[in-house]
Amino acid sequence: SCLLRRGRTTFHKRSSPTVPPLHSEHFKPCHEKDLAYCLNGGECFVIETLSGPHKHCKCREGYQGIRCDQFLPKTDSILSDPSKSRSCPPWS
């Protein structure tokens, strides 16, 4: 806390609570036996909750899903932008 002075009056200002870090004791790496839970190179971690531990995966780029089991193909900009697909081929 700090002191704020206004005239003859002194106020005590309390500091605001800090925000907990993104990584905390609630996030733990999976046990050795559960490391294969996440597929395609995903990182397995456990979140401790009141109802017990729950396994989750942090997927590598290009994958999604509960266990990183779904591949997300990269699409070409021509395929994703219909206006570019109307261009004429060079031989026309």
PDB file of N, CA and C in Angstrom:
ATOM      1  N   SER A   1       0.842  -1.179   0.000  1.00  0.00           N
ATOM      2  CA  SER A   1       0.000   0.000   0.000  1.00  0.00           C
ATOM      3  C   SER A   1       0.884   1.237   0.000  1.00  0.00           C
ATOM      4  N   CYS A   2       0.311   2.376  -0.382  1.00  0.00           N
ATOM      5  CA  CYS A   2       1.081   3.613  -0.402  1.00  0.00           C
ATOM      6  C   CYS A   2       0.269   4.712   0.261  1.00  0.00           C
ATOM      7  N   LEU A   3       0.918   5.816   0.550  1.00  0.00           N
ATOM      8  CA  LEU A   3       0.265   6.942   1.200  1.00  0.00           C
ATOM      9  C   LEU A   3       0.002   8.031   0.181  1.00  0.00           C
ATOM     10  N   LEU A   4      -1.195   8.587   0.205  1.00  0.00           N
ATOM     11  CA  LEU A   4      -1.545   9.737  -0.619  1.00  0.00           C
ATOM     12  C   LEU A   4      -1.880  10.871   0.333  1.00  0.00           C
ATOM     13  N   ARG A   5      -1.267  12.014   0.126  1.00  0.00           N
ATOM     14  CA  ARG A   5      -1.518  13.139   1.029  1.00  0.00           C
ATOM     15  C   ARG A   5      -2.260  14.230   0.276  1.00  0.00           C
ATOM     16  N   ARG A   6      -3.328  14.704   0.884  1.00  0.00           N
ATOM     17  CA  ARG A   6      -4.085  15.843   0.362  1.00  0.00           C
ATOM     18  C   ARG A   6      -4.276  16.808   1.525  1.00  0.00           C
ATOM     19  N   GLY A   7      -3.597  17.907   1.455  1.00  0.00           N
ATOM     20  CA  GLY A   7      -3.680  18.860   2.560  1.00  0.00           C
ATOM     21  C   GLY A   7      -3.151  18.222   3.831  1.00  0.00           C
ATOM     22  N   ARG A   8      -3.962  18.194   4.865  1.00  0.00           N
ATOM     23  CA  ARG A   8      -3.550  17.614   6.138  1.00  0.00           C
ATOM     24  C   ARG A   8      -4.034  16.177   6.292  1.00  0.00           C
ATOM     25  N   THR A   9      -4.776  15.660   5.298  1.00  0.00           N
ATOM     26  CA  THR A   9      -5.332  14.313   5.397  1.00  0.00           C
ATOM     27  C   THR A   9      -4.439  13.327   4.652  1.00  0.00           C
ATOM     28  N   THR A  10      -4.208  12.181   5.254  1.00  0.00           N
ATOM     29  CA  THR A  10      -3.415  11.123   4.627  1.00  0.00           C
ATOM     30  C   THR A  10      -4.320   9.945   4.317  1.00  0.00           C
ATOM     31  N   PHE A  11      -4.286   9.487   3.072  1.00  0.00           N
ATOM     32  CA  PHE A  11      -5.076   8.337   2.644  1.00  0.00           C
ATOM     33  C   PHE A  11      -4.143   7.159   2.431  1.00  0.00           C
ATOM     34  N   HIS A  12      -4.603   5.991   2.762  1.00  0.00           N
ATOM     35  CA  HIS A  12      -3.852   4.766   2.491  1.00  0.00           C
ATOM     36  C   HIS A  12      -4.469   4.109   1.268  1.00  0.00           C
ATOM     37  N   LYS A  13      -3.697   3.994   0.219  1.00  0.00           N
ATOM     38  CA  LYS A  13      -4.187   3.367  -1.006  1.00  0.00           C
ATOM     39  C   LYS A  13      -3.642   1.952  -1.068  1.00  0.00           C
ATOM     40  N   ARG A  14      -4.532   0.999  -1.200  1.00  0.00           N
ATOM     41  CA  ARG A  14      -4.114  -0.398  -1.307  1.00  0.00           C
ATOM     42  C   ARG A  14      -3.810  -0.725  -2.759  1.00  0.00           C
ATOM     43  N   SER A  15      -2.800  -1.526  -2.941  1.00  0.00           N
ATOM     44  CA  SER A  15      -2.464  -1.936  -4.302  1.00  0.00           C
ATOM     45  C   SER A  15      -3.501  -2.937  -4.796  1.00  0.00           C
ATOM     46  N   SER A  16      -3.739  -2.916  -6.100  1.00  0.00           N
ATOM     47  CA  SER A  16      -4.726  -3.830  -6.673  1.00  0.00           C
ATOM     48  C   SER A  16      -4.157  -5.246  -6.704  1.00  0.00           C
ATOM     49  N   PRO A  17      -5.015  -6.246  -6.646  1.00  0.00           N
ATOM     50  CA  PRO A  17      -4.515  -7.627  -6.670  1.00  0.00           C
ATOM     51  C   PRO A  17      -3.831  -7.933  -7.994  1.00  0.00           C
ATOM     52  N   THR A  18      -2.841  -8.777  -7.937  1.00  0.00           N
ATOM     53  CA  THR A  18      -2.118  -9.129  -9.157  1.00  0.00           C
ATOM     54  C   THR A  18      -2.854 -10.225  -9.904  1.00  0.00           C
ATOM     55  N   VAL A  19      -2.668 -10.234 -11.194  1.00  0.00           N
ATOM     56  CA  VAL A  19      -3.273 -11.261 -12.038  1.00  0.00           C
ATOM     57  C   VAL A  19      -2.372 -12.486 -11.977  1.00  0.00           C
ATOM     58  N   PRO A  20      -2.939 -13.670 -11.756  1.00  0.00           N
ATOM     59  CA  PRO A  20      -2.090 -14.860 -11.688  1.00  0.00           C
ATOM     60  C   PRO A  20      -1.423 -15.131 -13.030  1.00  0.00           C
ATOM     61  N   PRO A  21      -0.245 -15.724 -13.025  1.00  0.00           N
ATOM     62  CA  PRO A  21       0.446 -16.020 -14.284  1.00  0.00           C
ATOM     63  C   PRO A  21      -0.336 -17.025 -15.113  1.00  0.00           C
ATOM     64  N   LEU A  22      -0.108 -16.984 -16.434  1.00  0.00           N
ATOM     65  CA  LEU A  22      -0.802 -17.895 -17.342  1.00  0.00           C
ATOM     66  C   LEU A  22      -0.497 -19.346 -16.996  1.00  0.00           C
ATOM     67  N   HIS A  23       0.746 -19.627 -16.660  1.00  0.00           N
ATOM     68  CA  HIS A  23       1.126 -20.980 -16.248  1.00  0.00           C
ATOM     69  C   HIS A  23       1.077 -21.021 -14.731  1.00  0.00           C
ATOM     70  N   SER A  24       0.322 -21.928 -14.188  1.00  0.00           N
ATOM     71  CA  SER A  24       0.217 -22.017 -12.740  1.00  0.00           C
ATOM     72  C   SER A  24       0.276 -23.467 -12.314  1.00  0.00           C
ATOM     73  N   GLU A  25       0.102 -23.683 -11.018  1.00  0.00           N
ATOM     74  CA  GLU A  25       0.149 -25.046 -10.503  1.00  0.00           C
ATOM     75  C   GLU A  25      -1.051 -25.871 -10.955  1.00  0.00           C
ATOM     76  N   HIS A  26      -2.037 -25.254 -11.598  1.00  0.00           N
ATOM     77  CA  HIS A  26      -3.209 -25.983 -12.087  1.00  0.00           C
ATOM     78  C   HIS A  26      -2.918 -26.705 -13.403  1.00  0.00           C
ATOM     79  N   PHE A  27      -1.893 -26.267 -14.129  1.00  0.00           N
ATOM     80  CA  PHE A  27      -1.497 -26.898 -15.381  1.00  0.00           C
ATOM     81  C   PHE A  27      -0.262 -27.742 -15.118  1.00  0.00           C
ATOM     82  N   LYS A  28      -0.365 -29.037 -15.366  1.00  0.00           N
ATOM     83  CA  LYS A  28       0.763 -29.936 -15.122  1.00  0.00           C
ATOM     84  C   LYS A  28       0.982 -30.812 -16.347  1.00  0.00           C
ATOM     85  N   PRO A  29       2.219 -31.204 -16.611  1.00  0.00           N
ATOM     86  CA  PRO A  29       2.458 -32.136 -17.719  1.00  0.00           C
ATOM     87  C   PRO A  29       1.792 -33.477 -17.429  1.00  0.00           C
ATOM     88  N   CYS A  30       1.414 -34.181 -18.472  1.00  0.00           N
ATOM     89  CA  CYS A  30       0.807 -35.505 -18.301  1.00  0.00           C
ATOM     90  C   CYS A  30       1.831 -36.479 -17.737  1.00  0.00           C
ATOM     91  N   HIS A  31       1.334 -37.508 -17.089  1.00  0.00           N
ATOM     92  CA  HIS A  31       2.198 -38.578 -16.598  1.00  0.00           C
ATOM     93  C   HIS A  31       2.806 -39.304 -17.793  1.00  0.00           C
ATOM     94  N   GLU A  32       3.917 -39.935 -17.574  1.00  0.00           N
ATOM     95  CA  GLU A  32       4.637 -40.658 -18.629  1.00  0.00           C
ATOM     96  C   GLU A  32       3.717 -41.611 -19.394  1.00  0.00           C
ATOM     97  N   LYS A  33       2.832 -42.304 -18.687  1.00  0.00           N
ATOM     98  CA  LYS A  33       1.942 -43.278 -19.328  1.00  0.00           C
ATOM     99  C   LYS A  33       0.898 -42.615 -20.227  1.00  0.00           C
ATOM    100  N   ASP A  34       0.658 -41.312 -20.060  1.00  0.00           N
ATOM    101  CA  ASP A  34      -0.357 -40.606 -20.843  1.00  0.00           C
ATOM    102  C   ASP A  34       0.233 -39.728 -21.944  1.00  0.00           C
ATOM    103  N   LEU A  35       1.535 -39.746 -22.139  1.00  0.00           N
ATOM    104  CA  LEU A  35       2.151 -38.860 -23.124  1.00  0.00           C
ATOM    105  C   LEU A  35       1.666 -39.130 -24.544  1.00  0.00           C
ATOM    106  N   ALA A  36       1.227 -40.345 -24.837  1.00  0.00           N
ATOM    107  CA  ALA A  36       0.731 -40.675 -26.182  1.00  0.00           C
ATOM    108  C   ALA A  36      -0.737 -40.280 -26.364  1.00  0.00           C
ATOM    109  N   TYR A  37      -1.347 -39.668 -25.360  1.00  0.00           N
ATOM    110  CA  TYR A  37      -2.755 -39.257 -25.458  1.00  0.00           C
ATOM    111  C   TYR A  37      -2.955 -38.276 -26.618  1.00  0.00           C
ATOM    112  N   CYS A  38      -2.050 -37.312 -26.772  1.00  0.00           N
ATOM    113  CA  CYS A  38      -2.140 -36.334 -27.855  1.00  0.00           C
ATOM    114  C   CYS A  38      -1.435 -36.891 -29.090  1.00  0.00           C
ATOM    115  N   LEU A  39      -2.064 -36.728 -30.231  1.00  0.00           N
ATOM    116  CA  LEU A  39      -1.542 -37.261 -31.482  1.00  0.00           C
ATOM    117  C   LEU A  39      -0.812 -36.180 -32.276  1.00  0.00           C
ATOM    118  N   ASN A  40      -0.078 -36.599 -33.286  1.00  0.00           N
ATOM    119  CA  ASN A  40       0.583 -35.706 -34.244  1.00  0.00           C
ATOM    120  C   ASN A  40       1.489 -34.672 -33.578  1.00  0.00           C
ATOM    121  N   GLY A  41       2.191 -35.088 -32.543  1.00  0.00           N
ATOM    122  CA  GLY A  41       3.145 -34.197 -31.881  1.00  0.00           C
ATOM    123  C   GLY A  41       2.532 -33.204 -30.920  1.00  0.00           C
ATOM    124  N   GLY A  42       1.252 -33.384 -30.570  1.00  0.00           N
ATOM    125  CA  GLY A  42       0.612 -32.491 -29.609  1.00  0.00           C
ATOM    126  C   GLY A  42       1.193 -32.671 -28.216  1.00  0.00           C
ATOM    127  N   GLU A  43       1.134 -31.615 -27.424  1.00  0.00           N
ATOM    128  CA  GLU A  43       1.686 -31.627 -26.069  1.00  0.00           C
ATOM    129  C   GLU A  43       0.568 -31.890 -25.063  1.00  0.00           C
ATOM    130  N   CYS A  44       0.725 -32.946 -24.274  1.00  0.00           N
ATOM    131  CA  CYS A  44      -0.284 -33.344 -23.297  1.00  0.00           C
ATOM    132  C   CYS A  44      -0.060 -32.614 -21.974  1.00  0.00           C
ATOM    133  N   PHE A  45      -1.148 -32.087 -21.397  1.00  0.00           N
ATOM    134  CA  PHE A  45      -1.071 -31.495 -20.067  1.00  0.00           C
ATOM    135  C   PHE A  45      -2.361 -31.792 -19.320  1.00  0.00           C
ATOM    136  N   VAL A  46      -2.303 -31.678 -18.011  1.00  0.00           N
ATOM    137  CA  VAL A  46      -3.432 -31.977 -17.133  1.00  0.00           C
ATOM    138  C   VAL A  46      -3.848 -30.693 -16.435  1.00  0.00           C
ATOM    139  N   ILE A  47      -5.153 -30.459 -16.383  1.00  0.00           N
ATOM    140  CA  ILE A  47      -5.696 -29.345 -15.612  1.00  0.00           C
ATOM    141  C   ILE A  47      -6.377 -29.935 -14.387  1.00  0.00           C
ATOM    142  N   GLU A  48      -5.939 -29.501 -13.212  1.00  0.00           N
ATOM    143  CA  GLU A  48      -6.537 -29.954 -11.959  1.00  0.00           C
ATOM    144  C   GLU A  48      -7.771 -29.099 -11.679  1.00  0.00           C
ATOM    145  N   THR A  49      -8.918 -29.749 -11.516  1.00  0.00           N
ATOM    146  CA  THR A  49     -10.151 -29.044 -11.187  1.00  0.00           C
ATOM    147  C   THR A  49     -10.756 -29.666  -9.939  1.00  0.00           C
ATOM    148  N   LEU A  50     -11.826 -29.080  -9.460  1.00  0.00           N
ATOM    149  CA  LEU A  50     -12.501 -29.628  -8.283  1.00  0.00           C
ATOM    150  C   LEU A  50     -13.051 -31.020  -8.549  1.00  0.00           C
ATOM    151  N   SER A  51     -13.411 -31.289  -9.799  1.00  0.00           N
ATOM    152  CA  SER A  51     -13.958 -32.611 -10.130  1.00  0.00           C
ATOM    153  C   SER A  51     -12.865 -33.625 -10.471  1.00  0.00           C
ATOM    154  N   GLY A  52     -11.608 -33.215 -10.404  1.00  0.00           N
ATOM    155  CA  GLY A  52     -10.505 -34.127 -10.679  1.00  0.00           C
ATOM    156  C   GLY A  52      -9.659 -33.656 -11.841  1.00  0.00           C
ATOM    157  N   PRO A  53      -8.615 -34.411 -12.188  1.00  0.00           N
ATOM    158  CA  PRO A  53      -7.723 -34.020 -13.285  1.00  0.00           C
ATOM    159  C   PRO A  53      -8.348 -34.308 -14.652  1.00  0.00           C
ATOM    160  N   HIS A  54      -8.080 -33.421 -15.609  1.00  0.00           N
ATOM    161  CA  HIS A  54      -8.586 -33.581 -16.978  1.00  0.00           C
ATOM    162  C   HIS A  54      -7.433 -33.395 -17.957  1.00  0.00           C
ATOM    163  N   LYS A  55      -7.255 -34.355 -18.871  1.00  0.00           N
ATOM    164  CA  LYS A  55      -6.192 -34.279 -19.880  1.00  0.00           C
ATOM    165  C   LYS A  55      -6.628 -33.372 -21.029  1.00  0.00           C
ATOM    166  N   HIS A  56      -5.674 -32.588 -21.520  1.00  0.00           N
ATOM    167  CA  HIS A  56      -5.887 -31.699 -22.660  1.00  0.00           C
ATOM    168  C   HIS A  56      -4.648 -31.734 -23.534  1.00  0.00           C
ATOM    169  N   CYS A  57      -4.802 -31.241 -24.763  1.00  0.00           N
ATOM    170  CA  CYS A  57      -3.683 -31.214 -25.701  1.00  0.00           C
ATOM    171  C   CYS A  57      -3.468 -29.811 -26.238  1.00  0.00           C
ATOM    172  N   LYS A  58      -2.219 -29.447 -26.385  1.00  0.00           N
ATOM    173  CA  LYS A  58      -1.844 -28.239 -27.114  1.00  0.00           C
ATOM    174  C   LYS A  58      -1.329 -28.735 -28.452  1.00  0.00           C
ATOM    175  N   CYS A  59      -2.089 -28.471 -29.504  1.00  0.00           N
ATOM    176  CA  CYS A  59      -1.782 -29.028 -30.827  1.00  0.00           C
ATOM    177  C   CYS A  59      -0.723 -28.209 -31.555  1.00  0.00           C
ATOM    178  N   ARG A  60       0.059 -28.910 -32.370  1.00  0.00           N
ATOM    179  CA  ARG A  60       1.004 -28.246 -33.260  1.00  0.00           C
ATOM    180  C   ARG A  60       0.231 -27.544 -34.358  1.00  0.00           C
ATOM    181  N   GLU A  61       0.886 -26.591 -34.994  1.00  0.00           N
ATOM    182  CA  GLU A  61       0.268 -25.870 -36.104  1.00  0.00           C
ATOM    183  C   GLU A  61      -0.136 -26.861 -37.186  1.00  0.00           C
ATOM    184  N   GLY A  62      -1.350 -26.701 -37.698  1.00  0.00           N
ATOM    185  CA  GLY A  62      -1.851 -27.587 -38.737  1.00  0.00           C
ATOM    186  C   GLY A  62      -2.745 -28.694 -38.217  1.00  0.00           C
ATOM    187  N   TYR A  63      -2.907 -28.785 -36.892  1.00  0.00           N
ATOM    188  CA  TYR A  63      -3.758 -29.820 -36.305  1.00  0.00           C
ATOM    189  C   TYR A  63      -4.711 -29.203 -35.296  1.00  0.00           C
ATOM    190  N   GLN A  64      -5.849 -29.853 -35.131  1.00  0.00           N
ATOM    191  CA  GLN A  64      -6.833 -29.426 -34.138  1.00  0.00           C
ATOM    192  C   GLN A  64      -7.573 -30.647 -33.625  1.00  0.00           C
ATOM    193  N   GLY A  65      -8.496 -30.430 -32.721  1.00  0.00           N
ATOM    194  CA  GLY A  65      -9.278 -31.519 -32.151  1.00  0.00           C
ATOM    195  C   GLY A  65      -8.871 -31.790 -30.716  1.00  0.00           C
ATOM    196  N   ILE A  66      -9.697 -32.523 -30.015  1.00  0.00           N
ATOM    197  CA  ILE A  66      -9.448 -32.811 -28.609  1.00  0.00           C
ATOM    198  C   ILE A  66      -8.095 -33.479 -28.418  1.00  0.00           C
ATOM    199  N   ARG A  67      -7.733 -34.383 -29.346  1.00  0.00           N
ATOM    200  CA  ARG A  67      -6.458 -35.103 -29.238  1.00  0.00           C
ATOM    201  C   ARG A  67      -5.513 -34.760 -30.392  1.00  0.00           C
ATOM    202  N   CYS A  68      -5.741 -33.626 -31.052  1.00  0.00           N
ATOM    203  CA  CYS A  68      -4.927 -33.178 -32.199  1.00  0.00           C
ATOM    204  C   CYS A  68      -5.005 -34.193 -33.336  1.00  0.00           C
ATOM    205  N   ASP A  69      -6.170 -34.768 -33.523  1.00  0.00           N
ATOM    206  CA  ASP A  69      -6.345 -35.833 -34.511  1.00  0.00           C
ATOM    207  C   ASP A  69      -6.896 -35.339 -35.844  1.00  0.00           C
ATOM    208  N   GLN A  70      -7.170 -34.039 -35.971  1.00  0.00           N
ATOM    209  CA  GLN A  70      -7.735 -33.508 -37.211  1.00  0.00           C
ATOM    210  C   GLN A  70      -6.710 -32.625 -37.909  1.00  0.00           C
ATOM    211  N   PHE A  71      -6.391 -32.983 -39.151  1.00  0.00           N
ATOM    212  CA  PHE A  71      -5.427 -32.235 -39.950  1.00  0.00           C
ATOM    213  C   PHE A  71      -6.115 -31.044 -40.592  1.00  0.00           C
ATOM    214  N   LEU A  72      -5.482 -29.884 -40.530  1.00  0.00           N
ATOM    215  CA  LEU A  72      -5.988 -28.681 -41.180  1.00  0.00           C
ATOM    216  C   LEU A  72      -5.089 -28.364 -42.363  1.00  0.00           C
ATOM    217  N   PRO A  73      -5.491 -28.733 -43.584  1.00  0.00           N
ATOM    218  CA  PRO A  73      -4.629 -28.449 -44.734  1.00  0.00           C
ATOM    219  C   PRO A  73      -4.539 -26.949 -44.975  1.00  0.00           C
ATOM    220  N   LYS A  74      -3.365 -26.507 -45.401  1.00  0.00           N
ATOM    221  CA  LYS A  74      -3.198 -25.098 -45.746  1.00  0.00           C
ATOM    222  C   LYS A  74      -3.817 -24.895 -47.116  1.00  0.00           C
ATOM    223  N   THR A  75      -4.661 -23.892 -47.230  1.00  0.00           N
ATOM    224  CA  THR A  75      -5.311 -23.629 -48.511  1.00  0.00           C
ATOM    225  C   THR A  75      -4.551 -22.546 -49.253  1.00  0.00           C
ATOM    226  N   ASP A  76      -4.493 -22.689 -50.551  1.00  0.00           N
ATOM    227  CA  ASP A  76      -3.858 -21.697 -51.406  1.00  0.00           C
ATOM    228  C   ASP A  76      -4.750 -20.463 -51.441  1.00  0.00           C
ATOM    229  N   SER A  77      -4.159 -19.291 -51.565  1.00  0.00           N
ATOM    230  CA  SER A  77      -4.947 -18.059 -51.599  1.00  0.00           C
ATOM    231  C   SER A  77      -5.903 -18.044 -52.784  1.00  0.00           C
ATOM    232  N   ILE A  78      -5.556 -18.706 -53.892  1.00  0.00           N
ATOM    233  CA  ILE A  78      -6.459 -18.764 -55.047  1.00  0.00           C
ATOM    234  C   ILE A  78      -7.712 -19.559 -54.691  1.00  0.00           C
ATOM    235  N   LEU A  79      -7.548 -20.623 -53.936  1.00  0.00           N
ATOM    236  CA  LEU A  79      -8.710 -21.420 -53.553  1.00  0.00           C
ATOM    237  C   LEU A  79      -9.596 -20.694 -52.556  1.00  0.00           C
ATOM    238  N   SER A  80      -9.005 -19.861 -51.702  1.00  0.00           N
ATOM    239  CA  SER A  80      -9.797 -19.198 -50.684  1.00  0.00           C
ATOM    240  C   SER A  80     -10.357 -17.862 -51.150  1.00  0.00           C
ATOM    241  N   ASP A  81      -9.875 -17.299 -52.262  1.00  0.00           N
ATOM    242  CA  ASP A  81     -10.364 -16.021 -52.770  1.00  0.00           C
ATOM    243  C   ASP A  81     -10.960 -16.236 -54.157  1.00  0.00           C
ATOM    244  N   PRO A  82     -12.299 -16.297 -54.263  1.00  0.00           N
ATOM    245  CA  PRO A  82     -12.936 -16.583 -55.558  1.00  0.00           C
ATOM    246  C   PRO A  82     -12.622 -15.553 -56.636  1.00  0.00           C
ATOM    247  N   SER A  83     -12.334 -14.311 -56.275  1.00  0.00           N
ATOM    248  CA  SER A  83     -12.059 -13.293 -57.293  1.00  0.00           C
ATOM    249  C   SER A  83     -10.756 -13.591 -58.032  1.00  0.00           C
ATOM    250  N   LYS A  84      -9.805 -14.253 -57.391  1.00  0.00           N
ATOM    251  CA  LYS A  84      -8.534 -14.574 -58.040  1.00  0.00           C
ATOM    252  C   LYS A  84      -8.654 -15.764 -58.979  1.00  0.00           C
ATOM    253  N   SER A  85      -9.659 -16.598 -58.791  1.00  0.00           N
ATOM    254  CA  SER A  85      -9.794 -17.780 -59.635  1.00  0.00           C
ATOM    255  C   SER A  85     -10.376 -17.447 -60.999  1.00  0.00           C
ATOM    256  N   ARG A  86     -10.801 -16.213 -61.214  1.00  0.00           N
ATOM    257  CA  ARG A  86     -11.390 -15.821 -62.493  1.00  0.00           C
ATOM    258  C   ARG A  86     -10.345 -15.303 -63.472  1.00  0.00           C
ATOM    259  N   SER A  87      -9.098 -15.307 -63.087  1.00  0.00           N
ATOM    260  CA  SER A  87      -8.067 -14.792 -63.987  1.00  0.00           C
ATOM    261  C   SER A  87      -7.880 -15.746 -65.166  1.00  0.00           C
ATOM    262  N   CYS A  88      -7.457 -15.206 -66.293  1.00  0.00           N
ATOM    263  CA  CYS A  88      -7.291 -15.998 -67.504  1.00  0.00           C
ATOM    264  C   CYS A  88      -5.957 -16.722 -67.475  1.00  0.00           C
ATOM    265  N   PRO A  89      -5.901 -17.935 -68.007  1.00  0.00           N
ATOM    266  CA  PRO A  89      -4.617 -18.636 -68.080  1.00  0.00           C
ATOM    267  C   PRO A  89      -3.682 -17.914 -69.040  1.00  0.00           C
ATOM    268  N   PRO A  90      -2.370 -18.071 -68.896  1.00  0.00           N
ATOM    269  CA  PRO A  90      -1.403 -17.325 -69.719  1.00  0.00           C
ATOM    270  C   PRO A  90      -1.480 -17.663 -71.199  1.00  0.00           C
ATOM    271  N   TRP A  91      -2.008 -18.811 -71.585  1.00  0.00           N
ATOM    272  CA  TRP A  91      -2.047 -19.187 -73.002  1.00  0.00           C
ATOM    273  C   TRP A  91      -3.281 -18.668 -73.731  1.00  0.00           C
ATOM    274  N   SER A  92      -4.197 -17.996 -73.049  1.00  0.00           N
ATOM    275  CA  SER A  92      -5.419 -17.529 -73.731  1.00  0.00           C
ATOM    276  C   SER A  92      -5.225 -16.191 -74.397  1.00  0.00           C
TER     277      SER A  92
END
